[in-house]
Structures are given as C-alpha cells and as structure tokens.
Protein backbone atom coordinates (compact mmCIF):
# COMPACT_ATOMS: atom_id res chain seq x y z
CA MET A 1 6.32 -16.09 -1.82
CA LEU A 2 4.34 -14.50 0.99
CA ASP A 3 1.50 -16.42 2.57
CA LEU A 4 -0.83 -13.47 3.13
CA TYR A 5 -3.80 -15.54 4.23
CA ASN A 6 -1.94 -17.26 7.06
CA ASN A 7 0.61 -14.67 8.18
CA LYS A 8 0.82 -10.98 9.03
CA TYR A 9 3.72 -9.02 7.58
CA ASP A 10 5.32 -5.70 8.39
CA ARG A 11 5.24 -2.73 6.06
CA ASN A 12 8.76 -3.27 4.71
CA THR A 13 8.12 -6.90 3.84
CA LEU A 14 4.92 -5.98 2.03
CA LYS A 15 6.68 -3.15 0.21
CA ASP A 16 9.59 -5.40 -0.81
CA ASN A 17 7.16 -7.96 -2.24
CA ILE A 18 4.60 -5.53 -3.69
CA TYR A 19 4.92 -6.90 -7.24
CA ALA A 20 4.85 -10.55 -6.14
CA VAL A 21 1.33 -10.49 -4.68
CA LYS A 22 -2.02 -8.99 -5.56
CA LEU A 23 -2.79 -5.73 -3.82
CA VAL A 24 -6.34 -6.88 -3.21
CA ASP A 25 -4.99 -9.85 -1.25
CA ILE A 26 -2.83 -7.52 0.84
CA LEU A 27 -5.88 -5.35 1.45
CA LYS A 28 -8.04 -8.30 2.50
CA THR A 29 -5.54 -10.00 4.78
CA GLN A 30 -3.19 -7.46 6.34
CA ILE A 31 -3.69 -4.59 8.76
CA LEU A 32 -2.52 -1.54 6.85
CA ASP A 33 -1.88 2.08 7.72
CA VAL A 34 -3.31 4.93 5.68
CA SER A 35 0.07 5.90 4.27
CA PHE A 36 0.68 2.41 2.87
CA ILE A 37 -2.79 2.33 1.36
CA VAL A 38 -2.38 5.68 -0.37
CA ARG A 39 1.18 5.04 -1.57
CA TYR A 40 0.76 1.46 -2.74
CA ILE A 41 -2.76 0.01 -2.67
CA LEU A 42 -4.45 2.96 -4.38
CA SER A 43 -1.54 3.83 -6.66
CA ASP A 44 -1.88 2.80 -10.29
CA LEU A 45 1.90 2.33 -10.35
CA TYR A 46 1.47 -0.91 -8.41
CA GLN A 47 -1.91 -2.09 -9.71
CA ILE A 48 -0.64 -4.64 -12.22
CA HIS A 49 -3.39 -7.25 -11.83
CA ASP A 50 -6.92 -6.65 -13.14
CA ASP A 51 -8.35 -7.28 -9.65
CA ASP A 52 -6.13 -4.54 -8.24
CA LYS A 53 -7.32 -1.96 -10.75
CA THR A 54 -10.82 -2.11 -9.27
CA ILE A 55 -9.69 -1.06 -5.79
CA ASN A 56 -11.09 2.28 -4.67
CA TYR A 57 -11.49 3.95 -1.29
CA ASP A 58 -14.85 2.25 -0.64
CA ILE A 59 -13.23 -1.17 -1.05
CA VAL A 60 -10.37 -0.09 1.21
CA LEU A 61 -12.84 0.91 3.93
CA GLU A 62 -14.69 -2.40 3.54
CA TYR A 63 -11.57 -4.42 4.41
CA GLN A 64 -9.66 -2.01 6.65
CA LEU A 65 -12.29 -1.39 9.30
CA HIS A 66 -9.90 0.53 11.57
CA ILE A 67 -9.58 3.33 9.02
CA LYS A 68 -12.11 6.13 8.95
CA ARG A 69 -13.37 7.60 5.69
CA ALA A 70 -12.29 11.13 6.62
CA GLU A 71 -8.80 9.93 7.51
CA LEU A 72 -8.40 8.16 4.17
CA LEU A 73 -9.78 11.04 2.12
CA THR A 74 -7.52 13.52 3.93
CA ALA A 75 -4.48 11.32 3.25
CA LEU A 76 -5.45 11.02 -0.43
CA PHE A 77 -5.92 14.77 -0.73
CA ASN A 78 -2.60 15.55 0.97
CA TYR A 79 -0.56 12.86 -0.76
CA ASN A 80 2.38 14.07 -2.80
CA SER A 81 4.08 11.36 -4.87
CA ASP A 82 7.30 13.38 -4.87
CA ASP A 83 7.66 12.49 -1.19
CA ASP A 84 8.03 8.85 -2.21
CA SER A 85 10.80 9.66 -4.65
CA ILE A 86 12.77 11.48 -1.99
CA GLU A 87 12.34 8.65 0.50
CA ASP A 88 13.31 6.00 -2.03
CA PHE A 89 16.34 7.98 -3.21
CA ASN A 90 17.54 8.48 0.36
CA SER A 91 17.13 4.78 1.13
CA PHE A 92 19.00 3.88 -2.03
CA SER A 93 21.85 6.30 -1.39
CA GLU A 94 22.27 5.09 2.19
CA ARG A 95 22.68 1.51 0.96
CA LYS A 96 25.43 2.60 -1.44
CA ASN A 97 27.58 4.09 1.35
C-alpha cells in the first residue's frame, strides 16, 4: 500500500496503484501534471470512492497550486479518451513480445 502522506511517487507508480488509494488523497499529497489529472483524477472511470466523486476542477486547483485554471480547462477540452486506449494497448502489446 502506498503511503501518500509521507512519500512522493512517480506517475507510473500512482497509475499502477490507482484503484488501491483514494484519488482525493493523491490530489492532496502528490504533485501531479495536468495530463494525469485529466486522465485519472477527473475521470469517472477511476472515481470509485464517494470522496473521489466530488472532485471537480476547482478542487484540483485548490490542491495543485502549480496548475493554472486555463491550462486545466484547455487540457479538459482537448482530452480524447481514445488516446488512452491506444497508449494502454501499445504498452500491453509490448509486454507480450
């Protein structure tokens, strides 16, 4: 189990453990990039805890002070979930070789 409140983790570690921790705890304790926030933190696919379902872009900006509102809104607007499928499929296929 990750100790989010005492350690910083890289993107891959967070992604690999996304279902083992609350997204709100990741948001409060880790320094995240906009892509990770849009793909995971704000995605209802990963919001399995009630606390996570209340996360919106205002809450993101409250805890991720390095991210600007315009940057986040642009990333949300331009996000295409199909890009994730392609990336995940490629990663999966490379492991099978």
